[in-house]
Amino acid sequence: VVDNVPLVAASMGMYSLQQYPADSFLWEFIAYCAGTGGSILIIGSA
């Protein structure tokens, strides 16, 4: 529904690297879901 850039930017601010280190489940799954979820509607991705 909305652009994935602000969503991922918001997610990066919501969760810290101290709590969720690099390459943890959270960050990889965010990369997948935010990257591919935008295909569901025509306005969801660049």
ModelCIF file with pLDDT and N, C-alpha, C, O atoms, coordinates in Angstrom:
data_MODEL
#
_entry.id   MODEL 
#
_entity.id                         1 
_entity.type                       polymer 
_entity.pdbx_number_of_molecules   1 
#
_entity_poly.entity_id                      1 
_entity_poly.type                           'polypeptide(L)' 
_entity_poly.nstd_linkage                   no 
_entity_poly.nstd_monomer                   no 
_entity_poly.pdbx_seq_one_letter_code       VVDNVPLVAASMGMYSLQQYPADSFLWEFIAYCAGTGGSILIIGSA 
_entity_poly.pdbx_seq_one_letter_code_can   VVDNVPLVAASMGMYSLQQYPADSFLWEFIAYCAGTGGSILIIGSA 
_entity_poly.pdbx_strand_id                 A 
#
loop_
_entity_poly_seq.entity_id 
_entity_poly_seq.num 
_entity_poly_seq.mon_id 
_entity_poly_seq.hetero 
1 1  VAL n 
1 2  VAL n 
1 3  ASP n 
1 4  ASN n 
1 5  VAL n 
1 6  PRO n 
1 7  LEU n 
1 8  VAL n 
1 9  ALA n 
1 10 ALA n 
1 11 SER n 
1 12 MET n 
1 13 GLY n 
1 14 MET n 
1 15 TYR n 
1 16 SER n 
1 17 LEU n 
1 18 GLN n 
1 19 GLN n 
1 20 TYR n 
1 21 PRO n 
1 22 ALA n 
1 23 ASP n 
1 24 SER n 
1 25 PHE n 
1 26 LEU n 
1 27 TRP n 
1 28 GLU n 
1 29 PHE n 
1 30 ILE n 
1 31 ALA n 
1 32 TYR n 
1 33 CYS n 
1 34 ALA n 
1 35 GLY n 
1 36 THR n 
1 37 GLY n 
1 38 GLY n 
1 39 SER n 
1 40 ILE n 
1 41 LEU n 
1 42 ILE n 
1 43 ILE n 
1 44 GLY n 
1 45 SER n 
1 46 ALA n 
#
_struct_asym.id          A 
_struct_asym.entity_id   1 
#
loop_
_ma_qa_metric.id 
_ma_qa_metric.mode 
_ma_qa_metric.name 
_ma_qa_metric.software_group_id 
_ma_qa_metric.type 
1 global pLDDT . pLDDT 
2 local  pLDDT . pLDDT 
#
_ma_qa_metric_global.metric_id      1 
_ma_qa_metric_global.metric_value   82.78 
_ma_qa_metric_global.model_id       1 
_ma_qa_metric_global.ordinal_id     1 
#
loop_
_ma_qa_metric_local.label_asym_id 
_ma_qa_metric_local.label_comp_id 
_ma_qa_metric_local.label_seq_id 
_ma_qa_metric_local.metric_id 
_ma_qa_metric_local.metric_value 
_ma_qa_metric_local.model_id 
_ma_qa_metric_local.ordinal_id 
A VAL 1  2 71.00 1 1  
A VAL 2  2 64.00 1 2  
A ASP 3  2 64.00 1 3  
A ASN 4  2 72.00 1 4  
A VAL 5  2 73.00 1 5  
A PRO 6  2 70.00 1 6  
A LEU 7  2 74.00 1 7  
A VAL 8  2 82.00 1 8  
A ALA 9  2 76.00 1 9  
A ALA 10 2 75.00 1 10 
A SER 11 2 78.00 1 11 
A MET 12 2 80.00 1 12 
A GLY 13 2 74.00 1 13 
A MET 14 2 74.00 1 14 
A TYR 15 2 79.00 1 15 
A SER 16 2 79.00 1 16 
A LEU 17 2 85.00 1 17 
A GLN 18 2 84.00 1 18 
A GLN 19 2 83.00 1 19 
A TYR 20 2 88.00 1 20 
A PRO 21 2 90.00 1 21 
A ALA 22 2 86.00 1 22 
A ASP 23 2 87.00 1 23 
A SER 24 2 88.00 1 24 
A PHE 25 2 90.00 1 25 
A LEU 26 2 89.00 1 26 
A TRP 27 2 92.00 1 27 
A GLU 28 2 92.00 1 28 
A PHE 29 2 93.00 1 29 
A ILE 30 2 91.00 1 30 
A ALA 31 2 92.00 1 31 
A TYR 32 2 94.00 1 32 
A CYS 33 2 93.00 1 33 
A ALA 34 2 89.00 1 34 
A GLY 35 2 90.00 1 35 
A THR 36 2 93.00 1 36 
A GLY 37 2 92.00 1 37 
A GLY 38 2 87.00 1 38 
A SER 39 2 91.00 1 39 
A ILE 40 2 92.00 1 40 
A LEU 41 2 86.00 1 41 
A ILE 42 2 81.00 1 42 
A ILE 43 2 73.00 1 43 
A GLY 44 2 76.00 1 44 
A SER 45 2 80.00 1 45 
A ALA 46 2 76.00 1 46 
#
loop_
_atom_site.group_PDB 
_atom_site.id 
_atom_site.type_symbol 
_atom_site.label_atom_id 
_atom_site.label_alt_id 
_atom_site.label_comp_id 
_atom_site.label_asym_id 
_atom_site.label_entity_id 
_atom_site.label_seq_id 
_atom_site.pdbx_PDB_ins_code 
_atom_site.Cartn_x 
_atom_site.Cartn_y 
_atom_site.Cartn_z 
_atom_site.occupancy 
_atom_site.B_iso_or_equiv 
_atom_site.pdbx_formal_charge 
_atom_site.auth_seq_id 
_atom_site.auth_comp_id 
_atom_site.auth_asym_id 
_atom_site.auth_atom_id 
_atom_site.pdbx_PDB_model_num 
ATOM 1   N N  . VAL A 1 1  ? 0.832  -1.209  0.000  1.00 71.00 ? 1  VAL A N  1 
ATOM 2   C CA . VAL A 1 1  ? 0.000  0.000   0.000  1.00 71.00 ? 1  VAL A CA 1 
ATOM 3   C C  . VAL A 1 1  ? 0.861  1.251   0.000  1.00 71.00 ? 1  VAL A C  1 
ATOM 4   O O  . VAL A 1 1  ? 0.572  2.214   -0.710 1.00 71.00 ? 1  VAL A O  1 
ATOM 5   N N  . VAL A 1 2  ? 1.914  1.232   0.797  1.00 64.00 ? 2  VAL A N  1 
ATOM 6   C CA . VAL A 1 2  ? 2.809  2.386   0.881  1.00 64.00 ? 2  VAL A CA 1 
ATOM 7   C C  . VAL A 1 2  ? 4.206  1.966   0.432  1.00 64.00 ? 2  VAL A C  1 
ATOM 8   O O  . VAL A 1 2  ? 4.504  0.776   0.323  1.00 64.00 ? 2  VAL A O  1 
ATOM 9   N N  . ASP A 1 3  ? 5.044  2.941   0.176  1.00 64.00 ? 3  ASP A N  1 
ATOM 10  C CA . ASP A 1 3  ? 6.388  2.674   -0.339 1.00 64.00 ? 3  ASP A CA 1 
ATOM 11  C C  . ASP A 1 3  ? 7.204  1.889   0.676  1.00 64.00 ? 3  ASP A C  1 
ATOM 12  O O  . ASP A 1 3  ? 7.131  2.153   1.876  1.00 64.00 ? 3  ASP A O  1 
ATOM 13  N N  . ASN A 1 4  ? 7.996  0.906   0.187  1.00 72.00 ? 4  ASN A N  1 
ATOM 14  C CA . ASN A 1 4  ? 8.763  0.079   1.111  1.00 72.00 ? 4  ASN A CA 1 
ATOM 15  C C  . ASN A 1 4  ? 9.984  0.786   1.692  1.00 72.00 ? 4  ASN A C  1 
ATOM 16  O O  . ASN A 1 4  ? 10.535 0.328   2.693  1.00 72.00 ? 4  ASN A O  1 
ATOM 17  N N  . VAL A 1 5  ? 10.417 1.885   1.090  1.00 73.00 ? 5  VAL A N  1 
ATOM 18  C CA . VAL A 1 5  ? 11.573 2.626   1.619  1.00 73.00 ? 5  VAL A CA 1 
ATOM 19  C C  . VAL A 1 5  ? 11.304 3.157   3.030  1.00 73.00 ? 5  VAL A C  1 
ATOM 20  O O  . VAL A 1 5  ? 12.098 2.884   3.930  1.00 73.00 ? 5  VAL A O  1 
ATOM 21  N N  . PRO A 1 6  ? 10.204 3.915   3.263  1.00 70.00 ? 6  PRO A N  1 
ATOM 22  C CA . PRO A 1 6  ? 9.954  4.370   4.627  1.00 70.00 ? 6  PRO A CA 1 
ATOM 23  C C  . PRO A 1 6  ? 9.659  3.231   5.593  1.00 70.00 ? 6  PRO A C  1 
ATOM 24  O O  . PRO A 1 6  ? 9.966  3.341   6.781  1.00 70.00 ? 6  PRO A O  1 
ATOM 25  N N  . LEU A 1 7  ? 9.071  2.140   5.112  1.00 74.00 ? 7  LEU A N  1 
ATOM 26  C CA . LEU A 1 7  ? 8.793  1.009   5.994  1.00 74.00 ? 7  LEU A CA 1 
ATOM 27  C C  . LEU A 1 7  ? 10.079 0.386   6.515  1.00 74.00 ? 7  LEU A C  1 
ATOM 28  O O  . LEU A 1 7  ? 10.205 0.112   7.709  1.00 74.00 ? 7  LEU A O  1 
ATOM 29  N N  . VAL A 1 8  ? 11.032 0.163   5.618  1.00 82.00 ? 8  VAL A N  1 
ATOM 30  C CA . VAL A 1 8  ? 12.303 -0.422  6.039  1.00 82.00 ? 8  VAL A CA 1 
ATOM 31  C C  . VAL A 1 8  ? 13.086 0.569   6.894  1.00 82.00 ? 8  VAL A C  1 
ATOM 32  O O  . VAL A 1 8  ? 13.720 0.180   7.875  1.00 82.00 ? 8  VAL A O  1 
ATOM 33  N N  . ALA A 1 9  ? 13.044 1.842   6.524  1.00 76.00 ? 9  ALA A N  1 
ATOM 34  C CA . ALA A 1 9  ? 13.706 2.861   7.347  1.00 76.00 ? 9  ALA A CA 1 
ATOM 35  C C  . ALA A 1 9  ? 13.118 2.871   8.754  1.00 76.00 ? 9  ALA A C  1 
ATOM 36  O O  . ALA A 1 9  ? 13.848 3.001   9.737  1.00 76.00 ? 9  ALA A O  1 
ATOM 37  N N  . ALA A 1 10 ? 11.795 2.734   8.846  1.00 75.00 ? 10 ALA A N  1 
ATOM 38  C CA . ALA A 1 10 ? 11.136 2.680   10.150 1.00 75.00 ? 10 ALA A CA 1 
ATOM 39  C C  . ALA A 1 10 ? 11.548 1.427   10.915 1.00 75.00 ? 10 ALA A C  1 
ATOM 40  O O  . ALA A 1 10 ? 11.784 1.486   12.121 1.00 75.00 ? 10 ALA A O  1 
ATOM 41  N N  . SER A 1 11 ? 11.637 0.295   10.221 1.00 78.00 ? 11 SER A N  1 
ATOM 42  C CA . SER A 1 11 ? 12.036 -0.959  10.868 1.00 78.00 ? 11 SER A CA 1 
ATOM 43  C C  . SER A 1 11 ? 13.458 -0.867  11.418 1.00 78.00 ? 11 SER A C  1 
ATOM 44  O O  . SER A 1 11 ? 13.757 -1.384  12.494 1.00 78.00 ? 11 SER A O  1 
ATOM 45  N N  . MET A 1 12 ? 14.329 -0.199  10.659 1.00 80.00 ? 12 MET A N  1 
ATOM 46  C CA . MET A 1 12 ? 15.712 -0.043  11.107 1.00 80.00 ? 12 MET A CA 1 
ATOM 47  C C  . MET A 1 12 ? 15.788 0.800   12.378 1.00 80.00 ? 12 MET A C  1 
ATOM 48  O O  . MET A 1 12 ? 16.683 0.623   13.204 1.00 80.00 ? 12 MET A O  1 
ATOM 49  N N  . GLY A 1 13 ? 14.824 1.725   12.519 1.00 74.00 ? 13 GLY A N  1 
ATOM 50  C CA . GLY A 1 13 ? 14.773 2.523   13.740 1.00 74.00 ? 13 GLY A CA 1 
ATOM 51  C C  . GLY A 1 13 ? 14.057 1.828   14.880 1.00 74.00 ? 13 GLY A C  1 
ATOM 52  O O  . GLY A 1 13 ? 14.303 2.140   16.045 1.00 74.00 ? 13 GLY A O  1 
ATOM 53  N N  . MET A 1 14 ? 13.170 0.883   14.564 1.00 74.00 ? 14 MET A N  1 
ATOM 54  C CA . MET A 1 14 ? 12.387 0.180   15.579 1.00 74.00 ? 14 MET A CA 1 
ATOM 55  C C  . MET A 1 14 ? 13.206 -0.867  16.328 1.00 74.00 ? 14 MET A C  1 
ATOM 56  O O  . MET A 1 14 ? 12.996 -1.087  17.521 1.00 74.00 ? 14 MET A O  1 
ATOM 57  N N  . TYR A 1 15 ? 14.137 -1.511  15.629 1.00 79.00 ? 15 TYR A N  1 
ATOM 58  C CA . TYR A 1 15 ? 14.898 -2.611  16.225 1.00 79.00 ? 15 TYR A CA 1 
ATOM 59  C C  . TYR A 1 15 ? 16.388 -2.304  16.168 1.00 79.00 ? 15 TYR A C  1 
ATOM 60  O O  . TYR A 1 15 ? 16.897 -1.854  15.141 1.00 79.00 ? 15 TYR A O  1 
ATOM 61  N N  . SER A 1 16 ? 17.086 -2.550  17.276 1.00 79.00 ? 16 SER A N  1 
ATOM 62  C CA . SER A 1 16 ? 18.506 -2.217  17.352 1.00 79.00 ? 16 SER A CA 1 
ATOM 63  C C  . SER A 1 16 ? 19.374 -3.405  16.952 1.00 79.00 ? 16 SER A C  1 
ATOM 64  O O  . SER A 1 16 ? 18.959 -4.561  17.042 1.00 79.00 ? 16 SER A O  1 
ATOM 65  N N  . LEU A 1 17 ? 20.597 -3.089  16.505 1.00 85.00 ? 17 LEU A N  1 
ATOM 66  C CA . LEU A 1 17 ? 21.547 -4.140  16.135 1.00 85.00 ? 17 LEU A CA 1 
ATOM 67  C C  . LEU A 1 17 ? 22.063 -4.885  17.363 1.00 85.00 ? 17 LEU A C  1 
ATOM 68  O O  . LEU A 1 17 ? 22.527 -6.019  17.248 1.00 85.00 ? 17 LEU A O  1 
ATOM 69  N N  . GLN A 1 18 ? 21.985 -4.253  18.548 1.00 84.00 ? 18 GLN A N  1 
ATOM 70  C CA . GLN A 1 18 ? 22.392 -4.929  19.771 1.00 84.00 ? 18 GLN A CA 1 
ATOM 71  C C  . GLN A 1 18 ? 21.431 -6.069  20.099 1.00 84.00 ? 18 GLN A C  1 
ATOM 72  O O  . GLN A 1 18 ? 21.844 -7.142  20.538 1.00 84.00 ? 18 GLN A O  1 
ATOM 73  N N  . GLN A 1 19 ? 20.136 -5.814  19.876 1.00 83.00 ? 19 GLN A N  1 
ATOM 74  C CA . GLN A 1 19 ? 19.121 -6.833  20.152 1.00 83.00 ? 19 GLN A CA 1 
ATOM 75  C C  . GLN A 1 19 ? 19.033 -7.859  19.035 1.00 83.00 ? 19 GLN A C  1 
ATOM 76  O O  . GLN A 1 19 ? 18.878 -9.054  19.288 1.00 83.00 ? 19 GLN A O  1 
ATOM 77  N N  . TYR A 1 20 ? 19.133 -7.383  17.786 1.00 88.00 ? 20 TYR A N  1 
ATOM 78  C CA . TYR A 1 20 ? 19.066 -8.260  16.610 1.00 88.00 ? 20 TYR A CA 1 
ATOM 79  C C  . TYR A 1 20 ? 20.314 -8.035  15.769 1.00 88.00 ? 20 TYR A C  1 
ATOM 80  O O  . TYR A 1 20 ? 20.349 -7.095  14.975 1.00 88.00 ? 20 TYR A O  1 
ATOM 81  N N  . PRO A 1 21 ? 21.344 -8.873  15.920 1.00 90.00 ? 21 PRO A N  1 
ATOM 82  C CA . PRO A 1 21 ? 22.615 -8.676  15.205 1.00 90.00 ? 21 PRO A CA 1 
ATOM 83  C C  . PRO A 1 21 ? 22.454 -8.815  13.690 1.00 90.00 ? 21 PRO A C  1 
ATOM 84  O O  . PRO A 1 21 ? 21.404 -9.219  13.191 1.00 90.00 ? 21 PRO A O  1 
ATOM 85  N N  . ALA A 1 22 ? 23.515 -8.470  12.986 1.00 86.00 ? 22 ALA A N  1 
ATOM 86  C CA . ALA A 1 22 ? 23.505 -8.571  11.523 1.00 86.00 ? 22 ALA A CA 1 
ATOM 87  C C  . ALA A 1 22 ? 23.217 -9.998  11.078 1.00 86.00 ? 22 ALA A C  1 
ATOM 88  O O  . ALA A 1 22 ? 23.684 -10.962 11.684 1.00 86.00 ? 22 ALA A O  1 
ATOM 89  N N  . ASP A 1 23 ? 22.429 -10.113 9.998  1.00 87.00 ? 23 ASP A N  1 
ATOM 90  C CA . ASP A 1 23 ? 22.075 -11.398 9.373  1.00 87.00 ? 23 ASP A CA 1 
ATOM 91  C C  . ASP A 1 23 ? 21.174 -12.268 10.246 1.00 87.00 ? 23 ASP A C  1 
ATOM 92  O O  . ASP A 1 23 ? 21.068 -13.472 10.012 1.00 87.00 ? 23 ASP A O  1 
ATOM 93  N N  . SER A 1 24 ? 20.531 -11.680 11.237 1.00 88.00 ? 24 SER A N  1 
ATOM 94  C CA . SER A 1 24 ? 19.570 -12.442 12.034 1.00 88.00 ? 24 SER A CA 1 
ATOM 95  C C  . SER A 1 24 ? 18.283 -12.641 11.233 1.00 88.00 ? 24 SER A C  1 
ATOM 96  O O  . SER A 1 24 ? 18.087 -12.023 10.186 1.00 88.00 ? 24 SER A O  1 
ATOM 97  N N  . PHE A 1 25 ? 17.414 -13.511 11.741 1.00 90.00 ? 25 PHE A N  1 
ATOM 98  C CA . PHE A 1 25 ? 16.149 -13.817 11.070 1.00 90.00 ? 25 PHE A CA 1 
ATOM 99  C C  . PHE A 1 25 ? 15.374 -12.551 10.754 1.00 90.00 ? 25 PHE A C  1 
ATOM 100 O O  . PHE A 1 25 ? 14.840 -12.411 9.654  1.00 90.00 ? 25 PHE A O  1 
ATOM 101 N N  . LEU A 1 26 ? 15.305 -11.623 11.708 1.00 89.00 ? 26 LEU A N  1 
ATOM 102 C CA . LEU A 1 26 ? 14.506 -10.400 11.552 1.00 89.00 ? 26 LEU A CA 1 
ATOM 103 C C  . LEU A 1 26 ? 14.914 -9.617  10.314 1.00 89.00 ? 26 LEU A C  1 
ATOM 104 O O  . LEU A 1 26 ? 14.065 -9.265  9.495  1.00 89.00 ? 26 LEU A O  1 
ATOM 105 N N  . TRP A 1 27 ? 16.207 -9.341  10.170 1.00 92.00 ? 27 TRP A N  1 
ATOM 106 C CA . TRP A 1 27 ? 16.664 -8.462  9.088  1.00 92.00 ? 27 TRP A CA 1 
ATOM 107 C C  . TRP A 1 27 ? 16.539 -9.134  7.724  1.00 92.00 ? 27 TRP A C  1 
ATOM 108 O O  . TRP A 1 27 ? 16.131 -8.493  6.756  1.00 92.00 ? 27 TRP A O  1 
ATOM 109 N N  . GLU A 1 28 ? 16.882 -10.405 7.636  1.00 92.00 ? 28 GLU A N  1 
ATOM 110 C CA . GLU A 1 28 ? 16.748 -11.096 6.353  1.00 92.00 ? 28 GLU A CA 1 
ATOM 111 C C  . GLU A 1 28 ? 15.282 -11.208 5.930  1.00 92.00 ? 28 GLU A C  1 
ATOM 112 O O  . GLU A 1 28 ? 14.952 -11.044 4.756  1.00 92.00 ? 28 GLU A O  1 
ATOM 113 N N  . PHE A 1 29 ? 14.404 -11.489 6.901  1.00 93.00 ? 29 PHE A N  1 
ATOM 114 C CA . PHE A 1 29 ? 12.990 -11.642 6.572  1.00 93.00 ? 29 PHE A CA 1 
ATOM 115 C C  . PHE A 1 29 ? 12.367 -10.293 6.212  1.00 93.00 ? 29 PHE A C  1 
ATOM 116 O O  . PHE A 1 29 ? 11.476 -10.231 5.365  1.00 93.00 ? 29 PHE A O  1 
ATOM 117 N N  . ILE A 1 30 ? 12.826 -9.215  6.847  1.00 91.00 ? 30 ILE A N  1 
ATOM 118 C CA . ILE A 1 30 ? 12.369 -7.872  6.473  1.00 91.00 ? 30 ILE A CA 1 
ATOM 119 C C  . ILE A 1 30 ? 12.791 -7.568  5.037  1.00 91.00 ? 30 ILE A C  1 
ATOM 120 O O  . ILE A 1 30 ? 12.009 -7.023  4.258  1.00 91.00 ? 30 ILE A O  1 
ATOM 121 N N  . ALA A 1 31 ? 14.038 -7.925  4.688  1.00 92.00 ? 31 ALA A N  1 
ATOM 122 C CA . ALA A 1 31 ? 14.519 -7.688  3.320  1.00 92.00 ? 31 ALA A CA 1 
ATOM 123 C C  . ALA A 1 31 ? 13.631 -8.409  2.312  1.00 92.00 ? 31 ALA A C  1 
ATOM 124 O O  . ALA A 1 31 ? 13.289 -7.851  1.270  1.00 92.00 ? 31 ALA A O  1 
ATOM 125 N N  . TYR A 1 32 ? 13.256 -9.651  2.622  1.00 94.00 ? 32 TYR A N  1 
ATOM 126 C CA . TYR A 1 32 ? 12.397 -10.415 1.700  1.00 94.00 ? 32 TYR A CA 1 
ATOM 127 C C  . TYR A 1 32 ? 10.992 -9.816  1.639  1.00 94.00 ? 32 TYR A C  1 
ATOM 128 O O  . TYR A 1 32 ? 10.495 -9.510  0.556  1.00 94.00 ? 32 TYR A O  1 
ATOM 129 N N  . CYS A 1 33 ? 10.355 -9.650  2.792  1.00 93.00 ? 33 CYS A N  1 
ATOM 130 C CA . CYS A 1 33 ? 8.952  -9.231  2.821  1.00 93.00 ? 33 CYS A CA 1 
ATOM 131 C C  . CYS A 1 33 ? 8.759  -7.821  2.276  1.00 93.00 ? 33 CYS A C  1 
ATOM 132 O O  . CYS A 1 33 ? 7.836  -7.580  1.497  1.00 93.00 ? 33 CYS A O  1 
ATOM 133 N N  . ALA A 1 34 ? 9.615  -6.891  2.675  1.00 89.00 ? 34 ALA A N  1 
ATOM 134 C CA . ALA A 1 34 ? 9.478  -5.515  2.184  1.00 89.00 ? 34 ALA A CA 1 
ATOM 135 C C  . ALA A 1 34 ? 9.818  -5.424  0.705  1.00 89.00 ? 34 ALA A C  1 
ATOM 136 O O  . ALA A 1 34 ? 9.240  -4.613  -0.019 1.00 89.00 ? 34 ALA A O  1 
ATOM 137 N N  . GLY A 1 35 ? 10.761 -6.259  0.249  1.00 90.00 ? 35 GLY A N  1 
ATOM 138 C CA . GLY A 1 35 ? 11.159 -6.214  -1.152 1.00 90.00 ? 35 GLY A CA 1 
ATOM 139 C C  . GLY A 1 35 ? 10.133 -6.810  -2.092 1.00 90.00 ? 35 GLY A C  1 
ATOM 140 O O  . GLY A 1 35 ? 9.924  -6.296  -3.191 1.00 90.00 ? 35 GLY A O  1 
ATOM 141 N N  . THR A 1 36 ? 9.481  -7.902  -1.669 1.00 93.00 ? 36 THR A N  1 
ATOM 142 C CA . THR A 1 36 ? 8.552  -8.598  -2.559 1.00 93.00 ? 36 THR A CA 1 
ATOM 143 C C  . THR A 1 36 ? 7.087  -8.261  -2.284 1.00 93.00 ? 36 THR A C  1 
ATOM 144 O O  . THR A 1 36 ? 6.249  -8.415  -3.172 1.00 93.00 ? 36 THR A O  1 
ATOM 145 N N  . GLY A 1 37 ? 6.765  -7.807  -1.081 1.00 92.00 ? 37 GLY A N  1 
ATOM 146 C CA . GLY A 1 37 ? 5.380  -7.469  -0.755 1.00 92.00 ? 37 GLY A CA 1 
ATOM 147 C C  . GLY A 1 37 ? 4.836  -6.327  -1.590 1.00 92.00 ? 37 GLY A C  1 
ATOM 148 O O  . GLY A 1 37 ? 3.629  -6.234  -1.811 1.00 92.00 ? 37 GLY A O  1 
ATOM 149 N N  . GLY A 1 38 ? 5.734  -5.446  -2.062 1.00 87.00 ? 38 GLY A N  1 
ATOM 150 C CA . GLY A 1 38 ? 5.309  -4.313  -2.876 1.00 87.00 ? 38 GLY A CA 1 
ATOM 151 C C  . GLY A 1 38 ? 4.727  -4.717  -4.218 1.00 87.00 ? 38 GLY A C  1 
ATOM 152 O O  . GLY A 1 38 ? 4.078  -3.902  -4.874 1.00 87.00 ? 38 GLY A O  1 
ATOM 153 N N  . SER A 1 39 ? 4.947  -5.970  -4.649 1.00 91.00 ? 39 SER A N  1 
ATOM 154 C CA . SER A 1 39 ? 4.411  -6.430  -5.933 1.00 91.00 ? 39 SER A CA 1 
ATOM 155 C C  . SER A 1 39 ? 2.904  -6.659  -5.886 1.00 91.00 ? 39 SER A C  1 
ATOM 156 O O  . SER A 1 39 ? 2.259  -6.727  -6.932 1.00 91.00 ? 39 SER A O  1 
ATOM 157 N N  . ILE A 1 40 ? 2.337  -6.777  -4.689 1.00 92.00 ? 40 ILE A N  1 
ATOM 158 C CA . ILE A 1 40 ? 0.924  -7.143  -4.563 1.00 92.00 ? 40 ILE A CA 1 
ATOM 159 C C  . ILE A 1 40 ? 0.010  -6.058  -5.129 1.00 92.00 ? 40 ILE A C  1 
ATOM 160 O O  . ILE A 1 40 ? -1.055 -6.363  -5.666 1.00 92.00 ? 40 ILE A O  1 
ATOM 161 N N  . LEU A 1 41 ? 0.421  -4.794  -5.012 1.00 86.00 ? 41 LEU A N  1 
ATOM 162 C CA . LEU A 1 41 ? -0.318 -3.698  -5.638 1.00 86.00 ? 41 LEU A CA 1 
ATOM 163 C C  . LEU A 1 41 ? 0.632  -2.915  -6.537 1.00 86.00 ? 41 LEU A C  1 
ATOM 164 O O  . LEU A 1 41 ? 1.835  -2.869  -6.278 1.00 86.00 ? 41 LEU A O  1 
ATOM 165 N N  . ILE A 1 42 ? 0.109  -2.308  -7.577 1.00 81.00 ? 42 ILE A N  1 
ATOM 166 C CA . ILE A 1 42 ? 0.935  -1.612  -8.566 1.00 81.00 ? 42 ILE A CA 1 
ATOM 167 C C  . ILE A 1 42 ? 1.677  -0.418  -7.973 1.00 81.00 ? 42 ILE A C  1 
ATOM 168 O O  . ILE A 1 42 ? 2.748  -0.051  -8.457 1.00 81.00 ? 42 ILE A O  1 
ATOM 169 N N  . ILE A 1 43 ? 1.110  0.196   -6.917 1.00 73.00 ? 43 ILE A N  1 
ATOM 170 C CA . ILE A 1 43 ? 1.742  1.377   -6.318 1.00 73.00 ? 43 ILE A CA 1 
ATOM 171 C C  . ILE A 1 43 ? 2.682  1.015   -5.182 1.00 73.00 ? 43 ILE A C  1 
ATOM 172 O O  . ILE A 1 43 ? 3.236  1.903   -4.535 1.00 73.00 ? 43 ILE A O  1 
ATOM 173 N N  . GLY A 1 44 ? 2.876  -0.296  -4.922 1.00 76.00 ? 44 GLY A N  1 
ATOM 174 C CA . GLY A 1 44 ? 3.642  -0.709  -3.760 1.00 76.00 ? 44 GLY A CA 1 
ATOM 175 C C  . GLY A 1 44 ? 5.144  -0.732  -3.945 1.00 76.00 ? 44 GLY A C  1 
ATOM 176 O O  . GLY A 1 44 ? 5.875  -0.973  -2.984 1.00 76.00 ? 44 GLY A O  1 
ATOM 177 N N  . SER A 1 45 ? 5.626  -0.489  -5.154 1.00 80.00 ? 45 SER A N  1 
ATOM 178 C CA . SER A 1 45 ? 7.072  -0.523  -5.397 1.00 80.00 ? 45 SER A CA 1 
ATOM 179 C C  . SER A 1 45 ? 7.427  0.444   -6.513 1.00 80.00 ? 45 SER A C  1 
ATOM 180 O O  . SER A 1 45 ? 6.579  0.837   -7.314 1.00 80.00 ? 45 SER A O  1 
ATOM 181 N N  . ALA A 1 46 ? 8.697  0.818   -6.545 1.00 76.00 ? 46 ALA A N  1 
ATOM 182 C CA . ALA A 1 46 ? 9.181  1.687   -7.619 1.00 76.00 ? 46 ALA A CA 1 
ATOM 183 C C  . ALA A 1 46 ? 9.041  0.995   -8.970 1.00 76.00 ? 46 ALA A C  1 
ATOM 184 O O  . ALA A 1 46 ? 9.396  1.571   -9.998 1.00 76.00 ? 46 ALA A O  1 
#
